Protein backbone atom coordinates (compact mmCIF):
# COMPACT_ATOMS: atom_id res chain seq x y z
CA MET A 1 19.49 -10.19 27.59
CA ILE A 2 17.97 -11.63 24.40
CA GLY A 3 14.61 -10.06 25.28
CA SER A 4 16.25 -6.68 25.76
CA LEU A 5 18.05 -7.00 22.42
CA ARG A 6 14.79 -7.83 20.65
CA LEU A 7 13.09 -4.83 22.21
CA TYR A 8 15.99 -2.59 21.22
CA ILE A 9 15.94 -3.72 17.57
CA THR A 10 12.15 -3.36 17.39
CA GLN A 11 12.33 0.15 18.82
CA ARG A 12 15.04 1.06 16.33
CA CYS A 13 12.90 -0.19 13.42
CA PHE A 14 9.97 1.89 14.65
CA PHE A 15 12.30 4.87 14.98
CA TYR A 16 13.60 4.63 11.41
CA LEU A 17 10.15 4.14 9.90
CA ILE A 18 8.74 7.12 11.77
CA LEU A 19 11.85 9.13 10.82
CA LEU A 20 11.15 8.28 7.18
CA LEU A 21 7.64 9.62 7.57
CA ALA A 22 8.96 12.74 9.30
CA LEU A 23 11.36 13.38 6.42
CA GLY A 24 8.47 12.98 4.06
CA THR A 25 6.43 15.47 6.09
CA GLY A 26 9.30 17.93 5.82
CA ARG A 27 9.34 17.39 2.09
CA ILE A 28 5.58 18.05 2.01
CA THR A 29 5.98 21.31 3.94
CA TYR A 30 8.61 22.49 1.47
CA ALA A 31 6.60 21.32 -1.50
CA GLN A 32 3.51 23.18 -0.30
CA SER A 33 5.49 26.41 -0.39
CA GLU A 34 6.50 25.55 -3.95
CA GLY A 35 2.97 24.49 -4.90
CA ASP A 36 3.84 20.99 -6.20
CA VAL A 37 2.27 18.71 -3.56
CA SER A 38 -0.65 16.46 -4.51
CA LYS A 39 -3.31 15.94 -1.83
CA GLN A 40 -5.48 12.85 -2.21
CA ILE A 41 -8.24 10.82 -0.54
CA TRP A 42 -8.43 7.03 -0.95
CA ILE A 43 -11.46 4.96 0.11
CA ASP A 44 -11.29 1.15 -0.05
CA ILE A 45 -13.48 -1.86 0.66
CA ASN A 46 -11.37 -4.99 1.20
CA PRO A 47 -13.45 -8.20 1.20
CA SER A 48 -11.87 -11.63 1.68
CA TYR A 49 -13.03 -15.24 1.72
CA PHE A 50 -11.12 -18.10 3.35
CA ILE A 51 -11.62 -21.36 1.45
CA ASN A 52 -9.61 -22.95 4.26
CA PRO A 53 -7.17 -21.54 6.85
CA HIS A 54 -4.31 -21.76 4.33
CA PHE A 55 -5.96 -20.33 1.20
CA GLU A 56 -7.68 -16.94 0.90
CA ILE A 57 -9.37 -15.05 -1.94
CA PHE A 58 -9.40 -11.30 -1.35
CA GLY A 59 -9.45 -8.02 -3.20
CA ASP A 60 -9.65 -4.23 -3.33
CA ILE A 61 -12.56 -2.14 -4.55
CA GLY A 62 -11.82 1.54 -4.18
CA VAL A 63 -11.91 5.15 -5.29
CA ARG A 64 -8.94 7.54 -5.21
CA LYS A 65 -9.30 11.29 -5.78
CA GLU A 66 -6.81 14.10 -6.18
CA ILE A 67 -8.18 17.16 -4.38
CA GLU A 68 -7.49 19.74 -7.05
CA ASN A 69 -9.58 21.55 -9.67
CA ASN A 70 -7.63 19.97 -12.53
CA GLY A 71 -6.84 16.71 -10.80
CA TRP A 72 -7.85 13.10 -11.43
CA TRP A 73 -9.82 10.30 -9.85
CA ARG A 74 -9.31 6.53 -10.07
CA PHE A 75 -11.53 3.50 -9.75
CA VAL A 76 -9.70 0.37 -8.55
CA VAL A 77 -10.67 -3.31 -8.80
CA ARG A 78 -7.98 -5.82 -7.78
CA PRO A 79 -8.96 -9.51 -7.29
CA SER A 80 -6.22 -11.49 -5.53
CA LEU A 81 -5.37 -14.70 -3.72
CA ARG A 82 -3.06 -15.67 -0.88
CA LYS A 83 -1.61 -19.15 -0.14
CA TRP A 84 0.23 -20.24 2.98
CA LEU A 85 3.58 -21.83 2.07
CA GLY A 86 4.49 -23.05 5.53
CA GLY A 87 6.10 -21.40 8.51
CA ARG A 88 5.50 -17.65 8.26
CA PHE A 89 5.64 -17.44 4.46
CA TYR A 90 2.73 -16.57 2.15
CA PHE A 91 2.48 -16.37 -1.64
CA SER A 92 0.06 -13.87 -3.20
CA ALA A 93 -0.99 -13.05 -6.76
CA GLY A 94 -3.65 -11.06 -8.53
CA VAL A 95 -4.57 -8.62 -11.28
CA GLY A 96 -5.09 -4.94 -10.58
CA ASN A 97 -7.35 -2.77 -12.74
CA PHE A 98 -6.84 0.98 -12.34
CA PHE A 99 -9.16 3.26 -14.31
CA THR A 100 -7.94 6.88 -14.15
CA PHE A 101 -10.13 9.78 -15.27
CA ASN A 102 -8.12 12.95 -15.96
CA ASP A 103 -9.14 16.54 -16.58
CA ILE A 104 -6.06 17.56 -18.57
CA ILE A 105 -4.62 14.46 -20.28
CA ASP A 106 -6.38 11.44 -21.80
CA ASN A 107 -7.94 8.89 -19.49
CA ARG A 108 -5.93 5.76 -18.77
CA TRP A 109 -6.49 2.12 -17.87
CA GLU A 110 -3.66 0.25 -16.17
CA LEU A 111 -3.73 -3.54 -16.11
CA ARG A 112 -1.34 -4.78 -13.42
CA PRO A 113 -0.76 -8.50 -12.75
CA PHE A 114 1.40 -9.12 -9.68
CA GLN A 115 3.10 -11.89 -7.70
CA GLY A 116 4.33 -11.46 -4.15
CA LEU A 117 5.99 -13.15 -1.20
CA SER A 118 5.26 -12.03 2.35
CA PHE A 119 6.92 -13.28 5.51
CA THR A 120 7.47 -12.35 9.14
CA TRP A 121 10.99 -12.12 10.49
CA PRO A 122 11.90 -11.93 13.25
CA TYR A 123 8.65 -12.98 14.94
CA TRP A 124 8.79 -11.23 18.29
CA LYS A 125 6.10 -9.65 20.42
CA THR A 126 6.16 -6.81 17.90
CA PRO A 127 6.75 -8.75 14.64
CA ILE A 128 8.46 -7.30 11.58
CA ASN A 129 6.60 -8.05 8.34
CA HIS A 130 8.17 -8.05 4.87
CA TYR A 131 6.40 -7.98 1.50
CA LEU A 132 8.26 -8.36 -1.81
CA ARG A 133 6.14 -7.95 -4.94
CA ILE A 134 6.75 -8.03 -8.71
CA GLU A 135 4.29 -6.17 -10.95
CA GLU A 136 3.85 -6.25 -14.72
CA ARG A 137 2.29 -2.93 -15.74
CA PHE A 138 0.35 -2.22 -18.94
CA ASP A 139 -0.78 1.41 -18.96
CA PHE A 140 -3.18 2.17 -21.84
CA ASN A 141 -4.20 5.54 -23.24
CA THR A 142 -7.97 4.97 -23.66
CA LYS A 143 -8.14 7.33 -26.65
CA THR A 144 -5.37 5.82 -28.81
CA TRP A 145 -4.98 2.46 -26.96
CA ASN A 146 -1.21 2.84 -27.10
CA SER A 147 0.40 1.46 -23.96
CA LYS A 148 3.44 2.02 -21.79
CA ASN A 149 4.69 -1.33 -20.47
CA SER A 150 7.09 -2.00 -17.61
CA VAL A 151 8.09 -4.39 -14.83
CA ARG A 152 8.38 -3.07 -11.30
CA VAL A 153 9.63 -4.46 -7.97
CA ARG A 154 8.21 -3.28 -4.63
CA TYR A 155 9.49 -3.97 -1.14
CA GLN A 156 7.59 -3.05 2.02
CA LEU A 157 8.68 -3.23 5.66
CA ASN A 158 5.85 -3.12 8.20
CA ILE A 159 5.69 -3.08 12.00
CA SER A 160 2.46 -3.21 14.03
CA TYR A 161 1.64 -2.87 17.70
CA ARG A 162 -1.70 -4.14 19.07
CA TRP A 163 -3.34 -3.30 22.38
CA ALA A 164 -6.63 -3.31 24.32
CA ALA A 165 -7.50 -6.87 23.23
CA ILE A 166 -9.83 -7.35 26.20
CA GLN A 167 -12.44 -9.29 24.22
CA PRO A 168 -11.63 -11.86 21.50
CA GLY A 169 -11.23 -10.15 18.14
CA ARG A 170 -11.53 -6.60 19.54
CA PHE A 171 -8.38 -4.47 19.53
CA TRP A 172 -6.64 -1.28 18.46
CA GLN A 173 -3.51 -1.49 16.32
CA ALA A 174 -0.91 1.09 15.24
CA THR A 175 1.23 0.44 12.17
CA ALA A 176 4.31 2.07 10.67
CA SER A 177 5.54 1.06 7.22
CA GLY A 178 8.00 2.07 4.54
CA GLU A 179 7.99 0.99 0.90
CA ALA A 180 10.36 1.37 -2.05
CA PHE A 181 9.56 1.03 -5.79
CA VAL A 182 12.07 0.16 -8.53
CA THR A 183 11.22 -0.15 -12.23
CA VAL A 184 13.60 -2.76 -13.66
CA THR A 185 12.61 -2.55 -17.32
CA GLY A 186 10.25 -0.79 -19.70
CA GLU A 187 8.50 2.58 -19.81
CA GLN A 188 6.32 3.69 -16.92
CA GLY A 189 2.82 5.09 -17.27
CA GLN A 190 1.02 7.93 -15.52
CA PHE A 191 1.86 6.94 -11.94
CA GLN A 192 5.58 6.54 -11.23
CA GLU A 193 5.93 6.00 -7.48
CA GLN A 194 9.38 5.91 -5.87
CA ALA A 195 8.88 5.68 -2.08
CA ARG A 196 6.16 5.69 0.58
CA ALA A 197 5.98 6.09 4.35
CA THR A 198 2.73 5.35 6.19
CA LEU A 199 1.25 5.54 9.66
CA GLY A 200 -1.99 3.62 10.22
CA LEU A 201 -4.54 3.01 12.97
CA ASP A 202 -6.83 -0.04 13.02
CA ARG A 203 -9.97 -0.69 15.04
CA SER A 204 -11.19 -4.29 15.04
CA PHE A 205 -14.67 -5.20 16.30
CA THR A 206 -14.53 -8.93 15.55
CA TYR A 207 -12.01 -11.28 13.95
CA ASP A 208 -13.65 -10.69 10.55
CA LEU A 209 -14.53 -6.97 10.69
CA HIS A 210 -12.32 -3.94 11.15
CA TYR A 211 -11.67 -0.40 9.99
CA ARG A 212 -8.40 1.34 9.25
CA PHE A 213 -7.22 4.91 8.75
CA GLU A 214 -3.85 5.74 7.14
CA ILE A 215 -1.86 8.85 6.36
CA THR A 216 0.86 8.41 3.74
CA TRP A 217 3.65 10.50 2.29
CA GLN A 218 4.72 9.44 -1.18
CA GLN A 219 7.38 10.53 -3.64
CA GLU A 220 6.85 9.99 -7.37
CA ARG A 221 8.07 11.22 -10.73
CA LEU A 222 5.92 13.33 -13.00
CA PHE A 223 4.26 11.62 -15.94
CA PHE A 224 5.19 14.44 -18.34
CA ASN A 225 8.63 15.20 -16.84
CA THR A 226 10.50 12.15 -15.54
CA ASN A 227 13.46 14.29 -14.43
CA GLU A 228 11.41 15.89 -11.65
CA SER A 229 9.99 14.33 -8.48
CA VAL A 230 7.02 15.57 -6.47
CA SER A 231 5.48 14.76 -3.10
CA ASP A 232 2.01 13.38 -2.45
CA ILE A 233 0.08 13.07 0.76
CA TYR A 234 -3.04 10.98 0.97
CA PHE A 235 -5.56 9.99 3.59
CA ARG A 236 -6.88 6.45 3.23
CA PHE A 237 -9.99 4.91 4.78
CA ARG A 238 -10.30 1.12 4.59
CA PHE A 239 -13.13 -1.23 5.53
CA THR A 240 -12.23 -4.94 5.78
CA LYS A 241 -14.70 -7.81 6.03
CA SER A 242 -13.91 -11.54 5.80
CA TRP A 243 -15.91 -14.76 5.53
CA GLY A 244 -15.23 -18.48 5.34
CA ASN A 245 -13.24 -21.08 7.22
CA ARG A 246 -10.41 -19.39 9.16
CA GLU A 247 -9.98 -22.12 11.77
């Protein structure tokens, strides 16, 4: 009976996350007819190094591009660390650097320190992962060097299902996730995200090498009109490679 209950709850979580993505897709379809959807491509390299099994240094190096004539592109560098706290709890921290090159407005540099807590609960055959993160955001206009400063909280719920693990380290994995953003104080900069829903597919070749493709719907407020929200859709390609002592 307990096993059936676990399966039921897991299926319901998958259902609600996929429903969230479907609602986002409906929003995108409507927005396309209104002409206010942003289409983007994100490409990331995600290296990591394990000093020991409980302490990891990792990061993001990436490019993000809005596919429009008068759009923008961003260069991202985000060094980070992750520490095991015991049980299924991990602490993470880092500093994001987001350099945005715009065609219409001045270019911007966002400096974003963050601290986060991730944990798995409940830990069933299909575990449910939670990630709570606090970000301090300093968004600079690179022409005047005036900044918009704020503090933001993010919460992500993530469910993954893995299969075809015939050989050690080789598998396929499907992921559904939903994320909410809340600015608790201050004035936001150019990017003012509100919610995301993502579907992802991973292909792992070894324990330390895998690729991932994601499609994400996102809702955000406009930089120049905070009373209006728009939809984004982006396709993300991620390459992950790790080194060090994982055992």
